[in-house]
PDB file of N, CA and C in Angstrom:
ATOM      1  N   MET A   1       0.842  -1.324   0.282  1.00  0.00           N
ATOM      2  CA  MET A   1      -0.046  -0.182  -0.110  1.00  0.00           C
ATOM      3  C   MET A   1       1.276   0.963   0.053  1.00  0.00           C
ATOM      4  N   ASN A   2       0.503   2.266  -0.775  1.00  0.00           N
ATOM      5  CA  ASN A   2       1.447   3.585  -1.094  1.00  0.00           C
ATOM      6  C   ASN A   2       1.471   4.447   0.444  1.00  0.00           C
ATOM      7  N   PRO A   3       2.044   5.449   0.542  1.00  0.00           N
ATOM      8  CA  PRO A   3       1.473   6.293   1.660  1.00  0.00           C
ATOM      9  C   PRO A   3       0.336   6.896   1.673  1.00  0.00           C
ATOM     10  N   TRP A   4       0.078   7.300   0.437  1.00  0.00           N
ATOM     11  CA  TRP A   4      -0.737   8.361   0.078  1.00  0.00           C
ATOM     12  C   TRP A   4      -2.391   7.646   0.546  1.00  0.00           C
ATOM     13  N   GLU A   5      -2.233   6.271   0.361  1.00  0.00           N
ATOM     14  CA  GLU A   5      -3.348   5.672   0.633  1.00  0.00           C
ATOM     15  C   GLU A   5      -3.606   5.015   2.298  1.00  0.00           C
ATOM     16  N   GLU A   6      -2.440   5.001   2.702  1.00  0.00           N
ATOM     17  CA  GLU A   6      -2.371   5.353   4.175  1.00  0.00           C
ATOM     18  C   GLU A   6      -2.448   6.276   4.993  1.00  0.00           C
ATOM     19  N   SER A   7      -2.352   7.600   4.514  1.00  0.00           N
ATOM     20  CA  SER A   7      -2.689   8.587   5.144  1.00  0.00           C
ATOM     21  C   SER A   7      -4.269   8.850   4.898  1.00  0.00           C
ATOM     22  N   LEU A   8      -4.646   8.578   4.000  1.00  0.00           N
ATOM     23  CA  LEU A   8      -6.162   8.334   3.994  1.00  0.00           C
ATOM     24  C   LEU A   8      -6.633   8.096   4.741  1.00  0.00           C
ATOM     25  N   ARG A   9      -6.486   6.328   4.598  1.00  0.00           N
ATOM     26  CA  ARG A   9      -7.057   5.359   6.000  1.00  0.00           C
ATOM     27  C   ARG A   9      -6.742   5.794   7.105  1.00  0.00           C
ATOM     28  N   GLU A  10      -5.699   6.626   7.683  1.00  0.00           N
ATOM     29  CA  GLU A  10      -5.253   6.953   9.021  1.00  0.00           C
ATOM     30  C   GLU A  10      -6.534   8.172   9.045  1.00  0.00           C
ATOM     31  N   ALA A  11      -6.545   9.347   7.921  1.00  0.00           N
ATOM     32  CA  ALA A  11      -7.469  10.121   7.969  1.00  0.00           C
ATOM     33  C   ALA A  11      -9.147   9.870   8.517  1.00  0.00           C
ATOM     34  N   LEU A  12      -9.103   8.710   7.762  1.00  0.00           N
ATOM     35  CA  LEU A  12     -10.939   8.125   7.733  1.00  0.00           C
ATOM     36  C   LEU A  12     -11.139   7.262   8.854  1.00  0.00           C
ATOM     37  N   ARG A  13     -10.413   6.828   9.478  1.00  0.00           N
ATOM     38  CA  ARG A  13      -9.780   5.916  10.495  1.00  0.00           C
ATOM     39  C   ARG A  13     -11.057   6.625  12.007  1.00  0.00           C
ATOM     40  N   ARG A  14     -12.073   5.436  12.259  1.00  0.00           N
ATOM     41  CA  ARG A  14     -13.285   6.067  13.026  1.00  0.00           C
ATOM     42  C   ARG A  14     -12.240   6.379  14.621  1.00  0.00           C
ATOM     43  N   LYS A  15     -12.630   7.600  15.059  1.00  0.00           N
ATOM     44  CA  LYS A  15     -11.913   7.970  16.560  1.00  0.00           C
ATOM     45  C   LYS A  15     -12.715   8.127  17.327  1.00  0.00           C
ATOM     46  N   ALA A  16     -12.721   7.925  18.659  1.00  0.00           N
ATOM     47  CA  ALA A  16     -13.375   8.325  19.871  1.00  0.00           C
ATOM     48  C   ALA A  16     -13.503  10.043  20.130  1.00  0.00           C
ATOM     49  N   PRO A  17     -14.780  10.413  20.217  1.00  0.00           N
ATOM     50  CA  PRO A  17     -15.206  11.794  20.263  1.00  0.00           C
ATOM     51  C   PRO A  17     -14.100  12.839  21.635  1.00  0.00           C
ATOM     52  N   PRO A  18     -13.850  13.719  21.621  1.00  0.00           N
ATOM     53  CA  PRO A  18     -12.921  14.153  22.892  1.00  0.00           C
ATOM     54  C   PRO A  18     -13.795  14.336  24.073  1.00  0.00           C
ATOM     55  N   PRO A  19     -13.643  14.689  25.219  1.00  0.00           N
ATOM     56  CA  PRO A  19     -14.217  14.057  26.057  1.00  0.00           C
ATOM     57  C   PRO A  19     -15.028  15.787  26.265  1.00  0.00           C
ATOM     58  N   GLY A  20     -16.751  15.552  26.581  1.00  0.00           N
ATOM     59  CA  GLY A  20     -17.368  16.615  26.716  1.00  0.00           C
ATOM     60  C   GLY A  20     -17.702  17.134  25.428  1.00  0.00           C
ATOM     61  N   PHE A  21     -17.864  16.439  24.319  1.00  0.00           N
ATOM     62  CA  PHE A  21     -18.416  16.814  23.136  1.00  0.00           C
ATOM     63  C   PHE A  21     -19.690  16.654  22.966  1.00  0.00           C
ATOM     64  N   ALA A  22     -20.246  15.984  23.552  1.00  0.00           N
ATOM     65  CA  ALA A  22     -21.489  15.613  23.369  1.00  0.00           C
ATOM     66  C   ALA A  22     -22.429  16.855  24.170  1.00  0.00           C
ATOM     67  N   ASP A  23     -21.654  17.372  25.385  1.00  0.00           N
ATOM     68  CA  ASP A  23     -22.094  18.218  25.998  1.00  0.00           C
ATOM     69  C   ASP A  23     -22.042  19.713  25.063  1.00  0.00           C
ATOM     70  N   ARG A  24     -21.075  20.016  24.354  1.00  0.00           N
ATOM     71  CA  ARG A  24     -20.799  21.139  23.835  1.00  0.00           C
ATOM     72  C   ARG A  24     -22.011  21.323  22.652  1.00  0.00           C
ATOM     73  N   VAL A  25     -22.238  20.325  22.002  1.00  0.00           N
ATOM     74  CA  VAL A  25     -23.010  20.130  20.879  1.00  0.00           C
ATOM     75  C   VAL A  25     -24.328  20.613  21.546  1.00  0.00           C
ATOM     76  N   LEU A  26     -24.769  20.087  22.729  1.00  0.00           N
ATOM     77  CA  LEU A  26     -26.016  20.071  23.008  1.00  0.00           C
ATOM     78  C   LEU A  26     -26.666  21.898  23.478  1.00  0.00           C
ATOM     79  N   ALA A  27     -25.152  22.115  23.900  1.00  0.00           N
ATOM     80  CA  ALA A  27     -25.429  23.730  24.497  1.00  0.00           C
ATOM     81  C   ALA A  27     -25.409  24.455  23.278  1.00  0.00           C
ATOM     82  N   ARG A  28     -24.703  24.411  22.352  1.00  0.00           N
ATOM     83  CA  ARG A  28     -24.993  25.315  21.295  1.00  0.00           C
ATOM     84  C   ARG A  28     -26.198  25.031  20.384  1.00  0.00           C
ATOM     85  N   ILE A  29     -26.362  23.605  20.484  1.00  0.00           N
ATOM     86  CA  ILE A  29     -27.779  23.377  19.765  1.00  0.00           C
ATOM     87  C   ILE A  29     -29.060  24.389  20.662  1.00  0.00           C
ATOM     88  N   ARG A  30     -28.968  24.544  21.987  1.00  0.00           N
ATOM     89  CA  ARG A  30     -30.012  24.906  22.915  1.00  0.00           C
ATOM     90  C   ARG A  30     -29.741  26.336  22.780  1.00  0.00           C
ATOM     91  N   ASP A  31     -28.539  26.907  22.217  1.00  0.00           N
ATOM     92  CA  ASP A  31     -28.397  28.316  22.175  1.00  0.00           C
ATOM     93  C   ASP A  31     -29.079  29.444  20.732  1.00  0.00           C
ATOM     94  N   LEU A  32     -28.742  28.328  19.758  1.00  0.00           N
ATOM     95  CA  LEU A  32     -29.866  28.505  18.133  1.00  0.00           C
ATOM     96  C   LEU A  32     -30.858  28.991  18.764  1.00  0.00           C
ATOM     97  N   PRO A  33     -31.281  30.004  17.708  1.00  0.00           N
ATOM     98  CA  PRO A  33     -33.087  30.257  17.859  1.00  0.00           C
ATOM     99  C   PRO A  33     -33.726  29.220  17.411  1.00  0.00           C
ATOM    100  N   ALA A  34     -35.172  29.548  18.082  1.00  0.00           N
ATOM    101  CA  ALA A  34     -35.817  28.194  17.574  1.00  0.00           C
ATOM    102  C   ALA A  34     -36.206  28.659  16.140  1.00  0.00           C
ATOM    103  N   ARG A  35     -36.841  26.920  15.564  1.00  0.00           N
ATOM    104  CA  ARG A  35     -36.782  27.042  13.982  1.00  0.00           C
ATOM    105  C   ARG A  35     -37.945  27.988  13.829  1.00  0.00           C
ATOM    106  N   GLU A  36     -39.259  28.364  14.785  1.00  0.00           N
ATOM    107  CA  GLU A  36     -40.226  28.789  13.861  1.00  0.00           C
ATOM    108  C   GLU A  36     -40.009  30.494  13.879  1.00  0.00           C
ATOM    109  N   LYS A  37     -38.951  30.838  14.845  1.00  0.00           N
ATOM    110  CA  LYS A  37     -38.959  32.580  14.632  1.00  0.00           C
ATOM    111  C   LYS A  37     -38.274  32.539  13.423  1.00  0.00           C
ATOM    112  N   ARG A  38     -37.424  31.369  12.503  1.00  0.00           N
ATOM    113  CA  ARG A  38     -36.806  32.282  11.103  1.00  0.00           C
ATOM    114  C   ARG A  38     -37.979  32.300  10.251  1.00  0.00           C
ATOM    115  N   PRO A  39     -38.023  33.166   9.597  1.00  0.00           N
ATOM    116  CA  PRO A  39     -39.317  33.593   8.625  1.00  0.00           C
ATOM    117  C   PRO A  39     -39.495  32.542   7.658  1.00  0.00           C
ATOM    118  N   TRP A  40     -38.028  32.172   7.085  1.00  0.00           N
ATOM    119  CA  TRP A  40     -37.932  31.083   5.952  1.00  0.00           C
ATOM    120  C   TRP A  40     -38.752  30.092   6.383  1.00  0.00           C
ATOM    121  N   PHE A  41     -38.416  29.549   7.394  1.00  0.00           N
ATOM    122  CA  PHE A  41     -39.078  28.182   8.368  1.00  0.00           C
ATOM    123  C   PHE A  41     -40.647  28.214   8.433  1.00  0.00           C
ATOM    124  N   ARG A  42     -41.003  29.264   8.421  1.00  0.00           N
ATOM    125  CA  ARG A  42     -42.631  29.473   8.257  1.00  0.00           C
ATOM    126  C   ARG A  42     -43.531  29.297   6.907  1.00  0.00           C
ATOM    127  N   LEU A  43     -42.724  29.904   5.976  1.00  0.00           N
ATOM    128  CA  LEU A  43     -42.849  29.726   4.509  1.00  0.00           C
ATOM    129  C   LEU A  43     -42.696  28.159   4.421  1.00  0.00           C
ATOM    130  N   ARG A  44     -41.539  27.703   4.326  1.00  0.00           N
ATOM    131  CA  ARG A  44     -41.395  26.328   4.117  1.00  0.00           C
ATOM    132  C   ARG A  44     -42.482  25.418   4.904  1.00  0.00           C
ATOM    133  N   ALA A  45     -42.820  25.634   5.983  1.00  0.00           N
ATOM    134  CA  ALA A  45     -43.580  24.583   6.405  1.00  0.00           C
ATOM    135  C   ALA A  45     -45.242  25.255   5.845  1.00  0.00           C
ATOM    136  N   PHE A  46     -45.534  26.168   5.758  1.00  0.00           N
ATOM    137  CA  PHE A  46     -46.657  26.670   4.594  1.00  0.00           C
ATOM    138  C   PHE A  46     -46.856  25.904   3.740  1.00  0.00           C
ATOM    139  N   ILE A  47     -45.710  26.151   2.889  1.00  0.00           N
ATOM    140  CA  ILE A  47     -45.660  25.747   1.104  1.00  0.00           C
ATOM    141  C   ILE A  47     -45.835  23.608   1.399  1.00  0.00           C
ATOM    142  N   ALA A  48     -45.348  23.264   2.607  1.00  0.00           N
ATOM    143  CA  ALA A  48     -45.018  22.130   2.890  1.00  0.00           C
ATOM    144  C   ALA A  48     -46.253  21.406   3.041  1.00  0.00           C
ATOM    145  N   ARG A  49     -47.374  22.173   3.212  1.00  0.00           N
ATOM    146  CA  ARG A  49     -48.654  21.248   3.329  1.00  0.00           C
ATOM    147  C   ARG A  49     -49.161  20.951   1.986  1.00  0.00           C
ATOM    148  N   PRO A  50     -49.812  19.402   2.310  1.00  0.00           N
ATOM    149  CA  PRO A  50     -50.446  19.204   1.298  1.00  0.00           C
ATOM    150  C   PRO A  50     -51.520  19.912   0.572  1.00  0.00           C
ATOM    151  N   ALA A  51     -52.234  20.024   1.037  1.00  0.00           N
ATOM    152  CA  ALA A  51     -53.791  20.678   0.534  1.00  0.00           C
ATOM    153  C   ALA A  51     -53.230  21.802   0.062  1.00  0.00           C
ATOM    154  N   LEU A  52     -51.997  22.305   0.405  1.00  0.00           N
ATOM    155  CA  LEU A  52     -51.316  23.877  -0.356  1.00  0.00           C
ATOM    156  C   LEU A  52     -50.908  23.566  -1.582  1.00  0.00           C
ATOM    157  N   ARG A  53     -50.099  22.600  -1.628  1.00  0.00           N
ATOM    158  CA  ARG A  53     -49.674  21.872  -3.113  1.00  0.00           C
ATOM    159  C   ARG A  53     -50.752  21.478  -4.146  1.00  0.00           C
ATOM    160  N   TRP A  54     -51.725  20.863  -3.368  1.00  0.00           N
ATOM    161  CA  TRP A  54     -52.687  20.600  -4.509  1.00  0.00           C
ATOM    162  C   TRP A  54     -53.113  21.728  -4.998  1.00  0.00           C
ATOM    163  N   ALA A  55     -53.230  22.909  -4.218  1.00  0.00           N
ATOM    164  CA  ALA A  55     -54.073  23.994  -4.760  1.00  0.00           C
ATOM    165  C   ALA A  55     -53.183  24.682  -5.835  1.00  0.00           C
ATOM    166  N   ALA A  56     -52.084  24.698  -5.377  1.00  0.00           N
ATOM    167  CA  ALA A  56     -50.919  25.344  -6.229  1.00  0.00           C
ATOM    168  C   ALA A  56     -51.120  24.643  -7.724  1.00  0.00           C
ATOM    169  N   ALA A  57     -51.032  23.213  -7.693  1.00  0.00           N
ATOM    170  CA  ALA A  57     -51.149  22.296  -8.655  1.00  0.00           C
ATOM    171  C   ALA A  57     -52.213  22.725  -9.665  1.00  0.00           C
ATOM    172  N   VAL A  58     -53.789  22.608  -8.357  1.00  0.00           N
ATOM    173  CA  VAL A  58     -54.717  23.230  -9.130  1.00  0.00           C
ATOM    174  C   VAL A  58     -55.207  24.613 -10.131  1.00  0.00           C
ATOM    175  N   LEU A  59     -54.348  25.418  -9.239  1.00  0.00           N
ATOM    176  CA  LEU A  59     -53.833  27.113 -10.123  1.00  0.00           C
ATOM    177  C   LEU A  59     -52.875  27.302 -11.298  1.00  0.00           C
ATOM    178  N   CYS A  60     -52.033  26.124 -11.238  1.00  0.00           N
ATOM    179  CA  CYS A  60     -51.315  26.206 -12.433  1.00  0.00           C
ATOM    180  C   CYS A  60     -51.986  25.438 -13.352  1.00  0.00           C
ATOM    181  N   LEU A  61     -53.290  24.626 -13.044  1.00  0.00           N
ATOM    182  CA  LEU A  61     -53.531  24.181 -14.503  1.00  0.00           C
ATOM    183  C   LEU A  61     -54.621  24.755 -14.810  1.00  0.00           C
ATOM    184  N   VAL A  62     -55.248  25.655 -14.109  1.00  0.00           N
ATOM    185  CA  VAL A  62     -56.339  26.807 -14.265  1.00  0.00           C
ATOM    186  C   VAL A  62     -55.518  27.992 -15.022  1.00  0.00           C
ATOM    187  N   ILE A  63     -54.762  28.927 -14.943  1.00  0.00           N
ATOM    188  CA  ILE A  63     -53.990  29.305 -15.792  1.00  0.00           C
ATOM    189  C   ILE A  63     -53.331  28.858 -16.924  1.00  0.00           C
ATOM    190  N   ALA A  64     -52.618  27.548 -16.848  1.00  0.00           N
ATOM    191  CA  ALA A  64     -52.392  27.017 -18.092  1.00  0.00           C
ATOM    192  C   ALA A  64     -53.892  27.029 -19.125  1.00  0.00           C
ATOM    193  N   GLY A  65     -54.876  26.493 -18.263  1.00  0.00           N
ATOM    194  CA  GLY A  65     -55.952  26.107 -19.284  1.00  0.00           C
ATOM    195  C   GLY A  65     -56.348  27.395 -19.842  1.00  0.00           C
ATOM    196  N   SER A  66     -57.003  28.825 -19.047  1.00  0.00           N
ATOM    197  CA  SER A  66     -57.354  29.466 -19.517  1.00  0.00           C
ATOM    198  C   SER A  66     -56.409  30.621 -20.504  1.00  0.00           C
ATOM    199  N   VAL A  67     -55.199  30.273 -20.413  1.00  0.00           N
ATOM    200  CA  VAL A  67     -54.417  30.881 -21.667  1.00  0.00           C
ATOM    201  C   VAL A  67     -54.285  29.838 -22.816  1.00  0.00           C
ATOM    202  N   ALA A  68     -54.601  28.720 -22.965  1.00  0.00           N
ATOM    203  CA  ALA A  68     -54.950  28.135 -23.928  1.00  0.00           C
ATOM    204  C   ALA A  68     -56.198  28.445 -24.185  1.00  0.00           C
ATOM    205  N   TYR A  69     -57.390  28.221 -23.814  1.00  0.00           N
ATOM    206  CA  TYR A  69     -58.600  28.992 -24.072  1.00  0.00           C
ATOM    207  C   TYR A  69     -58.610  30.635 -24.740  1.00  0.00           C
ATOM    208  N   ARG A  70     -57.464  31.256 -24.026  1.00  0.00           N
ATOM    209  CA  ARG A  70     -57.744  32.364 -24.805  1.00  0.00           C
ATOM    210  C   ARG A  70     -56.990  32.492 -26.221  1.00  0.00           C
ATOM    211  N   GLU A  71     -55.921  31.979 -26.196  1.00  0.00           N
ATOM    212  CA  GLU A  71     -55.200  31.676 -27.544  1.00  0.00           C
ATOM    213  C   GLU A  71     -56.154  31.307 -28.405  1.00  0.00           C
ATOM    214  N   ARG A  72     -56.755  30.189 -28.219  1.00  0.00           N
ATOM    215  CA  ARG A  72     -58.094  29.580 -29.341  1.00  0.00           C
ATOM    216  C   ARG A  72     -58.916  30.313 -29.247  1.00  0.00           C
ATOM    217  N   GLN A  73     -59.371  31.244 -28.514  1.00  0.00           N
ATOM    218  CA  GLN A  73     -60.253  32.666 -28.743  1.00  0.00           C
ATOM    219  C   GLN A  73     -59.804  33.616 -29.703  1.00  0.00           C
ATOM    220  N   GLU A  74     -58.338  33.467 -29.698  1.00  0.00           N
ATOM    221  CA  GLU A  74     -57.598  34.658 -30.515  1.00  0.00           C
ATOM    222  C   GLU A  74     -57.298  34.283 -32.340  1.00  0.00           C
ATOM    223  N   ARG A  75     -57.453  33.087 -32.432  1.00  0.00           N
ATOM    224  CA  ARG A  75     -57.145  32.173 -33.048  1.00  0.00           C
ATOM    225  C   ARG A  75     -58.761  32.219 -34.443  1.00  0.00           C
ATOM    226  N   GLN A  76     -59.490  31.872 -33.637  1.00  0.00           N
ATOM    227  CA  GLN A  76     -60.258  31.575 -33.974  1.00  0.00           C
ATOM    228  C   GLN A  76     -61.020  33.088 -34.464  1.00  0.00           C
ATOM    229  N   ARG A  77     -61.150  34.166 -33.951  1.00  0.00           N
ATOM    230  CA  ARG A  77     -61.171  35.300 -34.267  1.00  0.00           C
ATOM    231  C   ARG A  77     -60.445  36.093 -34.968  1.00  0.00           C
ATOM    232  N   ARG A  78     -59.244  35.701 -35.342  1.00  0.00           N
ATOM    233  CA  ARG A  78     -58.307  35.907 -36.419  1.00  0.00           C
ATOM    234  C   ARG A  78     -58.822  35.153 -38.240  1.00  0.00           C
ATOM    235  N   GLN A  79     -58.941  33.986 -37.784  1.00  0.00           N
ATOM    236  CA  GLN A  79     -59.742  33.261 -38.677  1.00  0.00           C
ATOM    237  C   GLN A  79     -60.945  33.909 -39.199  1.00  0.00           C
ATOM    238  N   GLY A  80     -61.623  34.591 -38.158  1.00  0.00           N
ATOM    239  CA  GLY A  80     -62.876  34.894 -38.916  1.00  0.00           C
ATOM    240  C   GLY A  80     -62.553  36.563 -39.483  1.00  0.00           C
ATOM    241  N   GLU A  81     -61.783  37.007 -39.132  1.00  0.00           N
ATOM    242  CA  GLU A  81     -61.567  38.304 -39.403  1.00  0.00           C
ATOM    243  C   GLU A  81     -61.116  37.919 -41.238  1.00  0.00           C
ATOM    244  N   ILE A  82     -59.806  37.224 -41.074  1.00  0.00           N
ATOM    245  CA  ILE A  82     -59.782  36.335 -42.449  1.00  0.00           C
ATOM    246  C   ILE A  82     -60.989  35.931 -43.498  1.00  0.00           C
ATOM    247  N   ALA A  83     -61.903  35.608 -43.361  1.00  0.00           N
ATOM    248  CA  ALA A  83     -62.666  34.764 -43.540  1.00  0.00           C
ATOM    249  C   ALA A  83     -63.987  36.214 -43.964  1.00  0.00           C
ATOM    250  N   ARG A  84     -64.165  37.063 -43.527  1.00  0.00           N
ATOM    251  CA  ARG A  84     -64.840  38.103 -43.525  1.00  0.00           C
ATOM    252  C   ARG A  84     -63.945  39.219 -44.913  1.00  0.00           C
ATOM    253  N   MET A  85     -62.919  39.240 -44.434  1.00  0.00           N
ATOM    254  CA  MET A  85     -62.388  39.871 -45.846  1.00  0.00           C
ATOM    255  C   MET A  85     -62.414  39.089 -46.846  1.00  0.00           C
ATOM    256  N   GLN A  86     -62.405  37.636 -47.327  1.00  0.00           N
ATOM    257  CA  GLN A  86     -62.412  36.909 -48.009  1.00  0.00           C
ATOM    258  C   GLN A  86     -64.098  37.109 -48.442  1.00  0.00           C
ATOM    259  N   VAL A  87     -64.693  36.961 -47.888  1.00  0.00           N
ATOM    260  CA  VAL A  87     -66.285  36.858 -48.691  1.00  0.00           C
ATOM    261  C   VAL A  87     -66.376  38.269 -49.235  1.00  0.00           C
ATOM    262  N   LYS A  88     -66.090  39.301 -48.314  1.00  0.00           N
ATOM    263  CA  LYS A  88     -65.923  40.922 -49.076  1.00  0.00           C
ATOM    264  C   LYS A  88     -65.383  41.328 -50.523  1.00  0.00           C
ATOM    265  N   GLN A  89     -63.894  40.442 -50.335  1.00  0.00           N
ATOM    266  CA  GLN A  89     -63.134  40.342 -51.677  1.00  0.00           C
ATOM    267  C   GLN A  89     -63.944  39.802 -52.844  1.00  0.00           C
ATOM    268  N   ALA A  90     -65.172  38.656 -52.513  1.00  0.00           N
ATOM    269  CA  ALA A  90     -65.646  37.597 -53.058  1.00  0.00           C
ATOM    270  C   ALA A  90     -66.974  38.440 -53.615  1.00  0.00           C
ATOM    271  N   LEU A  91     -67.484  39.287 -52.742  1.00  0.00           N
ATOM    272  CA  LEU A  91     -68.625  40.404 -53.330  1.00  0.00           C
ATOM    273  C   LEU A  91     -68.415  41.071 -53.870  1.00  0.00           C
ATOM    274  N   ARG A  92     -66.944  41.723 -54.048  1.00  0.00           N
ATOM    275  CA  ARG A  92     -66.619  42.951 -54.597  1.00  0.00           C
ATOM    276  C   ARG A  92     -66.653  42.091 -55.964  1.00  0.00           C
ATOM    277  N   ILE A  93     -65.639  41.040 -56.580  1.00  0.00           N
ATOM    278  CA  ILE A  93     -65.810  40.249 -57.453  1.00  0.00           C
ATOM    279  C   ILE A  93     -67.082  40.038 -58.623  1.00  0.00           C
ATOM    280  N   ALA A  94     -68.058  39.823 -57.528  1.00  0.00           N
ATOM    281  CA  ALA A  94     -69.403  38.857 -57.626  1.00  0.00           C
ATOM    282  C   ALA A  94     -70.115  40.180 -58.445  1.00  0.00           C
ATOM    283  N   SER A  95     -70.153  41.267 -57.431  1.00  0.00           N
ATOM    284  CA  SER A  95     -70.342  42.524 -58.011  1.00  0.00           C
ATOM    285  C   SER A  95     -69.799  43.093 -59.218  1.00  0.00           C
ATOM    286  N   VAL A  96     -69.003  43.574 -59.479  1.00  0.00           N
ATOM    287  CA  VAL A  96     -68.181  43.708 -60.999  1.00  0.00           C
ATOM    288  C   VAL A  96     -68.448  43.111 -61.929  1.00  0.00           C
ATOM    289  N   LYS A  97     -68.528  41.220 -61.773  1.00  0.00           N
ATOM    290  CA  LYS A  97     -68.828  40.548 -62.980  1.00  0.00           C
ATOM    291  C   LYS A  97     -70.482  40.996 -63.408  1.00  0.00           C
ATOM    292  N   LEU A  98     -71.113  41.010 -62.120  1.00  0.00           N
ATOM    293  CA  LEU A  98     -72.915  41.147 -62.493  1.00  0.00           C
ATOM    294  C   LEU A  98     -73.076  42.811 -63.159  1.00  0.00           C
ATOM    295  N   ASN A  99     -72.506  43.203 -62.570  1.00  0.00           N
ATOM    296  CA  ASN A  99     -72.479  44.547 -63.463  1.00  0.00           C
ATOM    297  C   ASN A  99     -72.213  44.578 -65.029  1.00  0.00           C
ATOM    298  N   ALA A 100     -71.413  44.099 -64.980  1.00  0.00           N
ATOM    299  CA  ALA A 100     -70.761  43.509 -66.253  1.00  0.00           C
ATOM    300  C   ALA A 100     -71.571  43.242 -67.621  1.00  0.00           C
ATOM    301  N   ALA A 101     -72.508  41.751 -66.818  1.00  0.00           N
ATOM    302  CA  ALA A 101     -73.566  40.584 -67.090  1.00  0.00           C
ATOM    303  C   ALA A 101     -74.735  41.970 -67.394  1.00  0.00           C
ATOM    304  N   ARG A 102     -74.882  42.823 -66.712  1.00  0.00           N
ATOM    305  CA  ARG A 102     -76.264  43.725 -66.476  1.00  0.00           C
ATOM    306  C   ARG A 102     -75.955  44.486 -67.656  1.00  0.00           C
ATOM    307  N   ARG A 103     -74.936  45.222 -68.018  1.00  0.00           N
ATOM    308  CA  ARG A 103     -74.391  45.822 -68.736  1.00  0.00           C
ATOM    309  C   ARG A 103     -74.501  45.351 -70.196  1.00  0.00           C
ATOM    310  N   MET A 104     -74.289  44.162 -70.216  1.00  0.00           N
ATOM    311  CA  MET A 104     -74.038  43.532 -71.635  1.00  0.00           C
ATOM    312  C   MET A 104     -75.749  42.989 -72.008  1.00  0.00           C
ATOM    313  N   VAL A 105     -76.643  43.000 -70.751  1.00  0.00           N
ATOM    314  CA  VAL A 105     -78.092  42.476 -71.056  1.00  0.00           C
ATOM    315  C   VAL A 105     -78.598  44.028 -71.407  1.00  0.00           C
ATOM    316  N   GLN A 106     -78.412  44.895 -70.911  1.00  0.00           N
ATOM    317  CA  GLN A 106     -79.206  46.322 -70.980  1.00  0.00           C
ATOM    318  C   GLN A 106     -78.631  46.858 -73.101  1.00  0.00           C
ATOM    319  N   GLU A 107     -77.579  46.300 -73.165  1.00  0.00           N
ATOM    320  CA  GLU A 107     -77.210  46.604 -74.557  1.00  0.00           C
ATOM    321  C   GLU A 107     -77.585  45.326 -75.809  1.00  0.00           C
ATOM    322  N   VAL A 108     -77.957  43.986 -74.866  1.00  0.00           N
ATOM    323  CA  VAL A 108     -78.804  43.107 -76.270  1.00  0.00           C
ATOM    324  C   VAL A 108     -80.437  44.228 -76.263  1.00  0.00           C
ATOM    325  N   LYS A 109     -80.309  44.437 -75.393  1.00  0.00           N
ATOM    326  CA  LYS A 109     -82.125  45.113 -74.908  1.00  0.00           C
ATOM    327  C   LYS A 109     -82.139  46.244 -75.940  1.00  0.00           C
ATOM    328  N   GLN A 110     -81.341  47.180 -75.979  1.00  0.00           N
ATOM    329  CA  GLN A 110     -80.936  48.504 -76.990  1.00  0.00           C
ATOM    330  C   GLN A 110     -80.623  47.738 -78.296  1.00  0.00           C
ATOM    331  N   GLY A 111     -80.054  47.034 -78.554  1.00  0.00           N
ATOM    332  CA  GLY A 111     -79.914  46.480 -79.930  1.00  0.00           C
ATOM    333  C   GLY A 111     -78.198  47.076 -80.506  1.00  0.00           C
ATOM    334  N   THR A 112     -77.449  47.627 -79.277  1.00  0.00           N
ATOM    335  CA  THR A 112     -76.268  47.971 -79.567  1.00  0.00           C
ATOM    336  C   THR A 112     -75.395  46.941 -79.539  1.00  0.00           C
ATOM    337  N   ALA A 113     -75.957  45.812 -78.608  1.00  0.00           N
ATOM    338  CA  ALA A 113     -74.541  44.657 -78.901  1.00  0.00           C
ATOM    339  C   ALA A 113     -74.596  44.043 -80.332  1.00  0.00           C
ATOM    340  N   GLN A 114     -75.924  44.082 -81.137  1.00  0.00           N
ATOM    341  CA  GLN A 114     -75.768  43.760 -82.561  1.00  0.00           C
ATOM    342  C   GLN A 114     -74.755  44.351 -83.171  1.00  0.00           C
ATOM    343  N   SER A 115     -74.449  45.529 -83.124  1.00  0.00           N
ATOM    344  CA  SER A 115     -73.374  46.075 -84.099  1.00  0.00           C
ATOM    345  C   SER A 115     -72.053  45.373 -83.642  1.00  0.00           C
ATOM    346  N   ARG A 116     -71.898  45.002 -82.258  1.00  0.00           N
ATOM    347  CA  ARG A 116     -70.372  44.530 -81.660  1.00  0.00           C
ATOM    348  C   ARG A 116     -70.189  42.831 -82.594  1.00  0.00           C
ATOM    349  N   LEU A 117     -71.161  41.783 -82.354  1.00  0.00           N
ATOM    350  CA  LEU A 117     -71.061  40.719 -83.345  1.00  0.00           C
ATOM    351  C   LEU A 117     -70.774  40.981 -84.729  1.00  0.00           C
TER     352      LEU A 117
END
C-alpha cells in the first residue's frame, strides 16, 4: 500500500470524540434560535402542506387552461377576420361581374350589342 492510501486510511479511521463533545454540541443547539422564529421556516412549513401543494397545482392547471382557451379564441377571431375579408373580396368580384353582365343585357335589349357581333 502506498503512503497516500495509508494517510487517507488513517484520516478516515474512526476515533473517539474528545471528552465533553456531546455536552458542547447540546449547549450550542440550545443557544440556537427556535426554528419557528426564522421567517423562511414558516414559509417552508406553509408550502409543505399537501393541501397547499394541490391548490398550487390546480391553480397552475387553471392558468394554463385559461391561457390555452384565450389563445384558441384569438386564433378563431383571426380566422373569422380573414374569412370576412375573403367574403368581402368575393362580393366585390361578383358585383363587378354582375354589373358587366347587366350592362351586356341592357345593350342587347337596346340593340347596340348587334353591332359588336
